Amino acid sequence: MAMNRRDAIKSFALMMGGAMVGANAILTGCAPEDQIVGLEFSEKDIAFLDEIGEAIIPTTDTPGAKATGIGAFMVMMVKDTYNSEQQQTFVDGLNFLKKDFKETKGTDFMEASVEERTAYLNELKAKAGESEDKKATAIIGMVQDLTVLGYFTSEIGATQQLRYYEAPGRYEPCIDYKPGDRAYAI
């Protein structure tokens, strides 16, 4: 059975743990009609998003999310696929993250180590599941979804983190898989 692009994206969203924000725009190919006019992100905002992405997928023996330019990817997705309510939630969420990190950790997010940032995001994610703080829940879900989507669809994620075979290529009906092998890129 052949899978078309729309089915592949739906499957990818389900693999990521649920519905992806902005999926309607991606699946239909149309931008939402109700978007914030003139929404812009500064270089500082993009750098902040790069650091959030790096805390979610850090550099190990393979490059992390920051190496893929994840901040610029997130900005593009928010501007092109989110409706005005989702865009406002994203902007409010970023402001919440900056403020809450400073209040709880006593330092600026950009000055903290990757380990401190990762620990904070994990704590916030755990709290978000328990509390009714919609800002924390929404922004954690959004940045996590965007980071995973952006990283694994980037050249770095697809070729260095996953196994990548350029298509069209030769047909291999049976490929040995050994525990610990990398997954295949779609």
N, C-alpha and C. Protein backbone atom coordinates (compact mmCIF):
# COMPACT_ATOMS: atom_id res chain seq x y z
N MET A 1 0.84 -1.18 0.00
CA MET A 1 0.00 0.00 0.00
C MET A 1 0.89 1.24 0.00
N ALA A 2 0.67 2.13 -0.92
CA ALA A 2 1.45 3.36 -1.00
C ALA A 2 0.91 4.38 -0.01
N MET A 3 1.81 5.16 0.56
CA MET A 3 1.41 6.18 1.51
C MET A 3 1.69 7.54 0.87
N ASN A 4 0.67 8.40 0.86
CA ASN A 4 0.90 9.72 0.31
C ASN A 4 1.45 10.66 1.38
N ARG A 5 1.83 11.85 0.98
CA ARG A 5 2.46 12.82 1.89
C ARG A 5 1.57 13.13 3.09
N ARG A 6 0.29 13.31 2.84
CA ARG A 6 -0.65 13.65 3.91
C ARG A 6 -0.70 12.54 4.96
N ASP A 7 -0.78 11.28 4.51
CA ASP A 7 -0.80 10.15 5.45
C ASP A 7 0.51 10.05 6.21
N ALA A 8 1.62 10.33 5.54
CA ALA A 8 2.93 10.27 6.20
C ALA A 8 3.02 11.32 7.31
N ILE A 9 2.55 12.52 7.04
CA ILE A 9 2.60 13.58 8.05
C ILE A 9 1.68 13.26 9.21
N LYS A 10 0.50 12.71 8.91
CA LYS A 10 -0.41 12.31 9.99
C LYS A 10 0.25 11.25 10.86
N SER A 11 0.87 10.28 10.23
CA SER A 11 1.54 9.22 10.98
C SER A 11 2.68 9.80 11.82
N PHE A 12 3.43 10.73 11.24
CA PHE A 12 4.54 11.35 11.97
C PHE A 12 4.00 12.10 13.19
N ALA A 13 2.89 12.83 13.01
CA ALA A 13 2.30 13.56 14.14
C ALA A 13 1.84 12.59 15.23
N LEU A 14 1.25 11.48 14.84
CA LEU A 14 0.82 10.49 15.82
C LEU A 14 2.01 9.87 16.55
N MET A 15 3.11 9.63 15.81
CA MET A 15 4.31 9.09 16.45
C MET A 15 4.84 10.06 17.49
N MET A 16 4.67 11.34 17.26
CA MET A 16 5.18 12.34 18.18
C MET A 16 4.29 12.46 19.41
N GLY A 17 3.21 11.75 19.46
CA GLY A 17 2.40 11.73 20.67
C GLY A 17 1.10 12.47 20.58
N GLY A 18 0.61 12.74 19.42
CA GLY A 18 -0.68 13.38 19.34
C GLY A 18 -0.76 14.36 18.19
N ALA A 19 -1.75 15.21 18.28
CA ALA A 19 -1.98 16.18 17.22
C ALA A 19 -0.94 17.29 17.29
N MET A 20 -0.41 17.63 16.15
CA MET A 20 0.59 18.67 16.07
C MET A 20 -0.10 20.00 15.80
N VAL A 21 0.31 21.04 16.50
CA VAL A 21 -0.25 22.35 16.27
C VAL A 21 0.14 22.79 14.87
N GLY A 22 -0.81 23.33 14.11
CA GLY A 22 -0.53 23.78 12.76
C GLY A 22 -0.67 22.69 11.72
N ALA A 23 -1.10 21.49 12.14
CA ALA A 23 -1.18 20.36 11.21
C ALA A 23 -2.17 20.63 10.07
N ASN A 24 -3.25 21.35 10.34
CA ASN A 24 -4.22 21.62 9.28
C ASN A 24 -3.59 22.37 8.12
N ALA A 25 -2.76 23.37 8.44
CA ALA A 25 -2.11 24.13 7.37
C ALA A 25 -1.14 23.26 6.60
N ILE A 26 -0.43 22.39 7.30
CA ILE A 26 0.53 21.51 6.62
C ILE A 26 -0.21 20.52 5.73
N LEU A 27 -1.28 19.95 6.24
CA LEU A 27 -2.00 18.91 5.49
C LEU A 27 -2.77 19.47 4.30
N THR A 28 -3.32 20.67 4.45
CA THR A 28 -4.11 21.23 3.35
C THR A 28 -3.25 22.05 2.40
N GLY A 29 -2.08 22.50 2.87
CA GLY A 29 -1.23 23.32 2.02
C GLY A 29 -1.64 24.77 2.01
N CYS A 30 -2.57 25.14 2.86
CA CYS A 30 -3.05 26.52 2.92
C CYS A 30 -2.75 27.14 4.27
N ALA A 31 -2.33 28.38 4.27
CA ALA A 31 -2.08 29.08 5.53
C ALA A 31 -3.42 29.46 6.15
N PRO A 32 -3.51 29.46 7.48
CA PRO A 32 -4.76 29.88 8.11
C PRO A 32 -5.09 31.32 7.74
N GLU A 33 -6.37 31.61 7.66
CA GLU A 33 -6.79 32.96 7.28
C GLU A 33 -6.63 33.95 8.41
N ASP A 34 -6.76 33.48 9.65
CA ASP A 34 -6.71 34.39 10.80
C ASP A 34 -5.34 34.32 11.48
N GLN A 35 -4.38 35.03 10.89
CA GLN A 35 -3.04 35.08 11.46
C GLN A 35 -2.74 36.50 11.94
N ILE A 36 -1.78 36.61 12.85
CA ILE A 36 -1.37 37.92 13.34
C ILE A 36 -0.60 38.62 12.22
N VAL A 37 -1.08 39.80 11.84
CA VAL A 37 -0.44 40.56 10.77
C VAL A 37 0.83 41.20 11.32
N GLY A 38 1.92 41.04 10.61
CA GLY A 38 3.18 41.67 11.00
C GLY A 38 3.91 40.98 12.14
N LEU A 39 3.59 39.72 12.41
CA LEU A 39 4.28 38.99 13.46
C LEU A 39 5.74 38.80 13.07
N GLU A 40 6.64 39.29 13.89
CA GLU A 40 8.07 39.17 13.62
C GLU A 40 8.79 38.68 14.86
N PHE A 41 9.88 37.98 14.66
CA PHE A 41 10.73 37.50 15.73
C PHE A 41 12.12 38.09 15.53
N SER A 42 12.72 38.54 16.61
CA SER A 42 14.06 39.14 16.53
C SER A 42 15.12 38.05 16.48
N GLU A 43 16.35 38.46 16.20
CA GLU A 43 17.48 37.53 16.22
C GLU A 43 17.65 36.94 17.62
N LYS A 44 17.35 37.73 18.66
CA LYS A 44 17.43 37.23 20.04
C LYS A 44 16.39 36.14 20.27
N ASP A 45 15.20 36.32 19.70
CA ASP A 45 14.15 35.31 19.83
C ASP A 45 14.57 34.01 19.15
N ILE A 46 15.16 34.13 17.96
CA ILE A 46 15.60 32.94 17.23
C ILE A 46 16.72 32.23 17.99
N ALA A 47 17.64 33.01 18.56
CA ALA A 47 18.72 32.42 19.36
C ALA A 47 18.15 31.72 20.59
N PHE A 48 17.13 32.31 21.22
CA PHE A 48 16.45 31.70 22.36
C PHE A 48 15.82 30.37 21.97
N LEU A 49 15.15 30.35 20.82
CA LEU A 49 14.54 29.12 20.32
C LEU A 49 15.60 28.08 19.98
N ASP A 50 16.74 28.52 19.44
CA ASP A 50 17.84 27.59 19.17
C ASP A 50 18.29 26.91 20.46
N GLU A 51 18.38 27.66 21.53
CA GLU A 51 18.84 27.11 22.81
C GLU A 51 17.79 26.19 23.44
N ILE A 52 16.51 26.51 23.26
CA ILE A 52 15.46 25.61 23.73
C ILE A 52 15.55 24.29 22.97
N GLY A 53 15.70 24.38 21.65
CA GLY A 53 15.83 23.18 20.82
C GLY A 53 17.04 22.35 21.22
N GLU A 54 18.14 23.01 21.54
CA GLU A 54 19.36 22.31 21.94
C GLU A 54 19.17 21.62 23.29
N ALA A 55 18.35 22.21 24.17
CA ALA A 55 18.06 21.57 25.45
C ALA A 55 17.19 20.32 25.25
N ILE A 56 16.35 20.33 24.22
CA ILE A 56 15.48 19.19 23.94
C ILE A 56 16.26 18.09 23.21
N ILE A 57 17.02 18.46 22.19
CA ILE A 57 17.87 17.50 21.46
C ILE A 57 19.29 18.05 21.48
N PRO A 58 20.05 17.70 22.54
CA PRO A 58 21.41 18.24 22.68
C PRO A 58 22.42 17.54 21.77
N THR A 59 23.53 18.20 21.59
CA THR A 59 24.64 17.63 20.83
C THR A 59 25.25 16.48 21.63
N THR A 60 25.40 15.34 20.98
CA THR A 60 26.08 14.18 21.57
C THR A 60 27.16 13.76 20.57
N ASP A 61 27.15 12.51 20.15
CA ASP A 61 28.06 12.12 19.08
C ASP A 61 27.51 12.56 17.72
N THR A 62 26.29 13.07 17.71
CA THR A 62 25.70 13.67 16.51
C THR A 62 25.31 15.11 16.85
N PRO A 63 25.21 15.97 15.85
CA PRO A 63 24.84 17.37 16.12
C PRO A 63 23.45 17.47 16.75
N GLY A 64 23.26 18.49 17.57
CA GLY A 64 21.98 18.72 18.22
C GLY A 64 21.08 19.60 17.37
N ALA A 65 19.95 19.98 17.97
CA ALA A 65 18.94 20.76 17.25
C ALA A 65 19.46 22.13 16.82
N LYS A 66 20.32 22.72 17.61
CA LYS A 66 20.84 24.05 17.28
C LYS A 66 21.59 24.04 15.95
N ALA A 67 22.29 22.96 15.67
CA ALA A 67 23.06 22.84 14.42
C ALA A 67 22.15 22.85 13.19
N THR A 68 20.90 22.52 13.35
CA THR A 68 19.97 22.49 12.22
C THR A 68 19.32 23.84 11.97
N GLY A 69 19.58 24.82 12.85
CA GLY A 69 18.91 26.11 12.72
C GLY A 69 17.46 25.99 13.17
N ILE A 70 17.24 25.27 14.26
CA ILE A 70 15.89 24.96 14.72
C ILE A 70 15.08 26.21 15.07
N GLY A 71 15.74 27.25 15.56
CA GLY A 71 15.02 28.49 15.90
C GLY A 71 14.35 29.10 14.68
N ALA A 72 15.09 29.19 13.58
CA ALA A 72 14.53 29.74 12.35
C ALA A 72 13.40 28.84 11.82
N PHE A 73 13.56 27.52 11.97
CA PHE A 73 12.51 26.59 11.54
C PHE A 73 11.24 26.83 12.35
N MET A 74 11.38 26.97 13.69
CA MET A 74 10.21 27.20 14.54
C MET A 74 9.50 28.49 14.15
N VAL A 75 10.27 29.54 13.91
CA VAL A 75 9.69 30.82 13.52
C VAL A 75 8.91 30.68 12.21
N MET A 76 9.51 30.00 11.24
CA MET A 76 8.83 29.80 9.96
C MET A 76 7.52 29.04 10.15
N MET A 77 7.55 27.98 10.94
CA MET A 77 6.34 27.19 11.17
C MET A 77 5.27 28.00 11.89
N VAL A 78 5.65 28.76 12.89
CA VAL A 78 4.68 29.56 13.65
C VAL A 78 4.06 30.62 12.74
N LYS A 79 4.87 31.27 11.94
CA LYS A 79 4.38 32.34 11.07
C LYS A 79 3.53 31.80 9.92
N ASP A 80 3.89 30.61 9.40
CA ASP A 80 3.22 30.10 8.20
C ASP A 80 2.07 29.14 8.47
N THR A 81 2.07 28.43 9.61
CA THR A 81 1.06 27.38 9.79
C THR A 81 0.15 27.58 11.00
N TYR A 82 0.50 28.46 11.90
CA TYR A 82 -0.32 28.67 13.10
C TYR A 82 -1.36 29.74 12.85
N ASN A 83 -2.54 29.56 13.45
CA ASN A 83 -3.55 30.62 13.38
C ASN A 83 -3.23 31.67 14.44
N SER A 84 -3.98 32.76 14.47
CA SER A 84 -3.65 33.87 15.37
C SER A 84 -3.67 33.46 16.84
N GLU A 85 -4.59 32.61 17.23
CA GLU A 85 -4.67 32.15 18.62
C GLU A 85 -3.43 31.33 18.99
N GLN A 86 -3.03 30.43 18.11
CA GLN A 86 -1.85 29.61 18.34
C GLN A 86 -0.58 30.46 18.34
N GLN A 87 -0.52 31.44 17.43
CA GLN A 87 0.62 32.34 17.39
C GLN A 87 0.75 33.12 18.69
N GLN A 88 -0.37 33.63 19.17
CA GLN A 88 -0.35 34.41 20.42
C GLN A 88 0.04 33.51 21.59
N THR A 89 -0.47 32.29 21.61
CA THR A 89 -0.09 31.33 22.65
C THR A 89 1.41 31.06 22.62
N PHE A 90 1.97 30.93 21.42
CA PHE A 90 3.41 30.68 21.28
C PHE A 90 4.22 31.87 21.81
N VAL A 91 3.86 33.08 21.40
CA VAL A 91 4.58 34.28 21.84
C VAL A 91 4.45 34.44 23.36
N ASP A 92 3.24 34.28 23.89
CA ASP A 92 3.03 34.37 25.34
C ASP A 92 3.83 33.29 26.07
N GLY A 93 3.88 32.11 25.48
CA GLY A 93 4.62 31.01 26.08
C GLY A 93 6.11 31.27 26.14
N LEU A 94 6.66 31.86 25.08
CA LEU A 94 8.09 32.20 25.10
C LEU A 94 8.39 33.22 26.20
N ASN A 95 7.52 34.22 26.31
CA ASN A 95 7.70 35.22 27.36
C ASN A 95 7.59 34.57 28.74
N PHE A 96 6.66 33.63 28.88
CA PHE A 96 6.50 32.90 30.14
C PHE A 96 7.78 32.12 30.47
N LEU A 97 8.34 31.43 29.48
CA LEU A 97 9.55 30.64 29.72
C LEU A 97 10.71 31.52 30.20
N LYS A 98 10.90 32.65 29.53
CA LYS A 98 11.98 33.56 29.91
C LYS A 98 11.80 34.05 31.35
N LYS A 99 10.58 34.50 31.65
CA LYS A 99 10.28 35.06 32.98
C LYS A 99 10.34 33.99 34.06
N ASP A 100 9.73 32.83 33.81
CA ASP A 100 9.67 31.77 34.81
C ASP A 100 11.06 31.20 35.09
N PHE A 101 11.89 31.05 34.07
CA PHE A 101 13.24 30.54 34.28
C PHE A 101 14.02 31.49 35.19
N LYS A 102 13.91 32.78 34.91
CA LYS A 102 14.63 33.78 35.70
C LYS A 102 14.14 33.77 37.15
N GLU A 103 12.82 33.64 37.34
CA GLU A 103 12.25 33.63 38.70
C GLU A 103 12.62 32.37 39.47
N THR A 104 12.57 31.22 38.81
CA THR A 104 12.82 29.96 39.52
C THR A 104 14.30 29.62 39.64
N LYS A 105 15.11 30.01 38.67
CA LYS A 105 16.53 29.63 38.67
C LYS A 105 17.46 30.78 39.06
N GLY A 106 16.94 32.01 39.06
CA GLY A 106 17.75 33.15 39.46
C GLY A 106 18.76 33.61 38.43
N THR A 107 18.66 33.10 37.22
CA THR A 107 19.57 33.50 36.15
C THR A 107 18.80 33.54 34.83
N ASP A 108 19.41 34.15 33.84
CA ASP A 108 18.81 34.22 32.52
C ASP A 108 18.96 32.87 31.81
N PHE A 109 17.96 32.47 31.05
CA PHE A 109 17.98 31.20 30.32
C PHE A 109 19.21 31.11 29.42
N MET A 110 19.55 32.19 28.76
CA MET A 110 20.66 32.19 27.81
C MET A 110 22.02 32.04 28.50
N GLU A 111 22.09 32.32 29.79
CA GLU A 111 23.35 32.22 30.53
C GLU A 111 23.50 30.86 31.24
N ALA A 112 22.45 30.08 31.26
CA ALA A 112 22.47 28.78 31.95
C ALA A 112 23.11 27.72 31.06
N SER A 113 23.54 26.63 31.68
CA SER A 113 24.13 25.51 30.92
C SER A 113 23.01 24.70 30.25
N VAL A 114 23.38 23.89 29.28
CA VAL A 114 22.41 23.03 28.60
C VAL A 114 21.75 22.10 29.60
N GLU A 115 22.52 21.60 30.56
CA GLU A 115 21.97 20.69 31.57
C GLU A 115 20.92 21.40 32.42
N GLU A 116 21.18 22.65 32.82
CA GLU A 116 20.21 23.41 33.62
C GLU A 116 18.95 23.69 32.81
N ARG A 117 19.12 24.02 31.55
CA ARG A 117 17.97 24.29 30.69
C ARG A 117 17.13 23.03 30.50
N THR A 118 17.80 21.91 30.25
CA THR A 118 17.09 20.65 30.06
C THR A 118 16.35 20.25 31.32
N ALA A 119 17.00 20.39 32.47
CA ALA A 119 16.36 20.06 33.74
C ALA A 119 15.13 20.93 33.97
N TYR A 120 15.24 22.22 33.66
CA TYR A 120 14.11 23.14 33.82
C TYR A 120 12.95 22.74 32.92
N LEU A 121 13.24 22.46 31.64
CA LEU A 121 12.17 22.08 30.72
C LEU A 121 11.51 20.77 31.13
N ASN A 122 12.31 19.83 31.63
CA ASN A 122 11.74 18.56 32.12
C ASN A 122 10.85 18.80 33.34
N GLU A 123 11.31 19.65 34.26
CA GLU A 123 10.49 19.99 35.44
C GLU A 123 9.19 20.65 35.01
N LEU A 124 9.29 21.58 34.09
CA LEU A 124 8.12 22.30 33.62
C LEU A 124 7.15 21.35 32.92
N LYS A 125 7.68 20.41 32.15
CA LYS A 125 6.82 19.44 31.47
C LYS A 125 6.10 18.55 32.49
N ALA A 126 6.81 18.13 33.54
CA ALA A 126 6.19 17.31 34.58
C ALA A 126 5.10 18.10 35.32
N LYS A 127 5.40 19.35 35.63
CA LYS A 127 4.41 20.21 36.31
C LYS A 127 3.22 20.49 35.41
N ALA A 128 3.49 20.69 34.11
CA ALA A 128 2.42 21.02 33.16
C ALA A 128 1.40 19.90 33.08
N GLY A 129 1.86 18.66 33.19
CA GLY A 129 0.95 17.52 33.16
C GLY A 129 0.06 17.46 34.38
N GLU A 130 0.55 18.00 35.50
CA GLU A 130 -0.20 17.95 36.76
C GLU A 130 -1.06 19.19 36.99
N SER A 131 -0.58 20.33 36.54
CA SER A 131 -1.27 21.59 36.85
C SER A 131 -2.24 21.98 35.74
N GLU A 132 -2.91 23.07 36.01
CA GLU A 132 -3.83 23.60 35.02
C GLU A 132 -3.26 24.85 34.36
N ASP A 133 -1.95 25.02 34.44
CA ASP A 133 -1.29 26.16 33.82
C ASP A 133 -1.24 25.94 32.32
N LYS A 134 -2.15 26.55 31.61
CA LYS A 134 -2.28 26.32 30.17
C LYS A 134 -1.09 26.87 29.39
N LYS A 135 -0.48 27.97 29.86
CA LYS A 135 0.68 28.53 29.15
C LYS A 135 1.83 27.53 29.14
N ALA A 136 2.13 26.97 30.30
CA ALA A 136 3.25 26.02 30.40
C ALA A 136 2.97 24.78 29.56
N THR A 137 1.77 24.24 29.66
CA THR A 137 1.41 23.04 28.90
C THR A 137 1.50 23.30 27.40
N ALA A 138 0.94 24.43 26.97
CA ALA A 138 0.91 24.74 25.53
C ALA A 138 2.30 24.96 24.97
N ILE A 139 3.11 25.78 25.63
CA ILE A 139 4.42 26.10 25.05
C ILE A 139 5.35 24.89 25.07
N ILE A 140 5.29 24.08 26.11
CA ILE A 140 6.14 22.90 26.15
C ILE A 140 5.77 21.96 25.00
N GLY A 141 4.49 21.76 24.78
CA GLY A 141 4.05 20.91 23.67
C GLY A 141 4.46 21.46 22.32
N MET A 142 4.31 22.77 22.16
CA MET A 142 4.64 23.40 20.88
C MET A 142 6.13 23.30 20.57
N VAL A 143 6.99 23.70 21.52
CA VAL A 143 8.42 23.70 21.23
C VAL A 143 8.95 22.27 21.09
N GLN A 144 8.39 21.35 21.83
CA GLN A 144 8.82 19.96 21.71
C GLN A 144 8.44 19.40 20.33
N ASP A 145 7.20 19.61 19.92
CA ASP A 145 6.75 19.14 18.61
C ASP A 145 7.56 19.77 17.48
N LEU A 146 7.76 21.09 17.55
CA LEU A 146 8.50 21.77 16.50
C LEU A 146 9.96 21.34 16.45
N THR A 147 10.55 21.11 17.62
CA THR A 147 11.94 20.67 17.66
C THR A 147 12.10 19.29 17.04
N VAL A 148 11.25 18.37 17.43
CA VAL A 148 11.34 17.01 16.89
C VAL A 148 11.07 17.02 15.38
N LEU A 149 10.03 17.72 14.96
CA LEU A 149 9.71 17.79 13.54
C LEU A 149 10.86 18.42 12.75
N GLY A 150 11.33 19.56 13.22
CA GLY A 150 12.40 20.27 12.51
C GLY A 150 13.70 19.49 12.47
N TYR A 151 14.05 18.85 13.57
CA TYR A 151 15.31 18.12 13.64
C TYR A 151 15.31 16.91 12.72
N PHE A 152 14.28 16.09 12.82
CA PHE A 152 14.28 14.84 12.06
C PHE A 152 13.92 15.01 10.59
N THR A 153 13.45 16.19 10.20
CA THR A 153 13.23 16.45 8.78
C THR A 153 14.35 17.30 8.19
N SER A 154 15.33 17.67 9.01
CA SER A 154 16.49 18.41 8.51
C SER A 154 17.49 17.44 7.90
N GLU A 155 18.43 17.96 7.14
CA GLU A 155 19.47 17.12 6.55
C GLU A 155 20.30 16.45 7.64
N ILE A 156 20.64 17.21 8.68
CA ILE A 156 21.44 16.65 9.78
C ILE A 156 20.69 15.52 10.48
N GLY A 157 19.43 15.76 10.83
CA GLY A 157 18.66 14.74 11.53
C GLY A 157 18.44 13.50 10.69
N ALA A 158 18.15 13.70 9.41
CA ALA A 158 17.85 12.57 8.53
C ALA A 158 19.09 11.77 8.15
N THR A 159 20.24 12.44 8.04
CA THR A 159 21.42 11.72 7.56
C THR A 159 22.40 11.32 8.66
N GLN A 160 22.43 12.08 9.76
CA GLN A 160 23.39 11.77 10.81
C GLN A 160 22.77 11.10 12.03
N GLN A 161 21.51 11.36 12.29
CA GLN A 161 20.83 10.73 13.42
C GLN A 161 20.07 9.48 12.97
N LEU A 162 19.47 9.56 11.81
CA LEU A 162 18.72 8.43 11.25
C LEU A 162 19.53 7.84 10.09
N ARG A 163 19.10 6.69 9.61
CA ARG A 163 19.69 6.13 8.40
C ARG A 163 18.95 6.75 7.22
N TYR A 164 19.68 7.19 6.27
CA TYR A 164 19.06 7.85 5.13
C TYR A 164 19.49 7.16 3.85
N TYR A 165 18.52 6.78 3.06
CA TYR A 165 18.78 6.24 1.74
C TYR A 165 18.05 7.11 0.74
N GLU A 166 18.82 7.69 -0.16
CA GLU A 166 18.23 8.59 -1.13
C GLU A 166 17.26 7.83 -2.02
N ALA A 167 16.13 8.42 -2.28
CA ALA A 167 15.14 7.79 -3.14
C ALA A 167 15.08 8.59 -4.43
N PRO A 168 14.92 8.03 -5.58
CA PRO A 168 14.74 6.60 -5.76
C PRO A 168 16.07 5.87 -5.62
N GLY A 169 15.97 4.71 -5.11
CA GLY A 169 17.14 3.87 -4.92
C GLY A 169 16.76 2.44 -5.23
N ARG A 170 17.64 1.54 -4.95
CA ARG A 170 17.30 0.15 -5.25
C ARG A 170 16.38 -0.38 -4.15
N TYR A 171 15.56 -1.31 -4.51
CA TYR A 171 14.60 -1.91 -3.59
C TYR A 171 15.28 -2.98 -2.75
N GLU A 172 15.17 -2.86 -1.46
CA GLU A 172 15.71 -3.85 -0.52
C GLU A 172 14.52 -4.41 0.28
N PRO A 173 14.01 -5.59 -0.07
CA PRO A 173 12.83 -6.10 0.62
C PRO A 173 13.09 -6.49 2.06
N CYS A 174 14.27 -6.94 2.37
CA CYS A 174 14.60 -7.36 3.73
C CYS A 174 15.94 -6.75 4.13
N ILE A 175 15.91 -5.95 5.17
CA ILE A 175 17.13 -5.32 5.66
C ILE A 175 17.32 -5.77 7.10
N ASP A 176 18.48 -6.31 7.38
CA ASP A 176 18.76 -6.75 8.74
C ASP A 176 18.77 -5.56 9.68
N TYR A 177 18.18 -5.75 10.83
CA TYR A 177 18.19 -4.72 11.87
C TYR A 177 18.75 -5.34 13.13
N LYS A 178 19.76 -4.71 13.66
CA LYS A 178 20.39 -5.18 14.89
C LYS A 178 20.05 -4.20 16.00
N PRO A 179 19.78 -4.69 17.21
CA PRO A 179 19.50 -3.76 18.32
C PRO A 179 20.61 -2.72 18.43
N GLY A 180 20.21 -1.47 18.56
CA GLY A 180 21.17 -0.36 18.64
C GLY A 180 21.38 0.34 17.32
N ASP A 181 20.91 -0.24 16.19
CA ASP A 181 21.02 0.42 14.90
C ASP A 181 20.12 1.63 14.87
N ARG A 182 20.50 2.61 14.06
CA ARG A 182 19.66 3.80 13.91
C ARG A 182 18.41 3.46 13.12
N ALA A 183 17.33 4.18 13.39
CA ALA A 183 16.09 4.01 12.62
C ALA A 183 16.27 4.60 11.24
N TYR A 184 15.38 4.26 10.33
CA TYR A 184 15.44 4.78 8.97
C TYR A 184 14.68 6.07 8.87
N ALA A 185 15.20 7.02 8.09
CA ALA A 185 14.53 8.29 7.82
C ALA A 185 13.43 8.05 6.82
N ILE A 186 12.33 8.83 6.93
CA ILE A 186 11.27 8.71 5.96
C ILE A 186 11.48 9.70 4.85
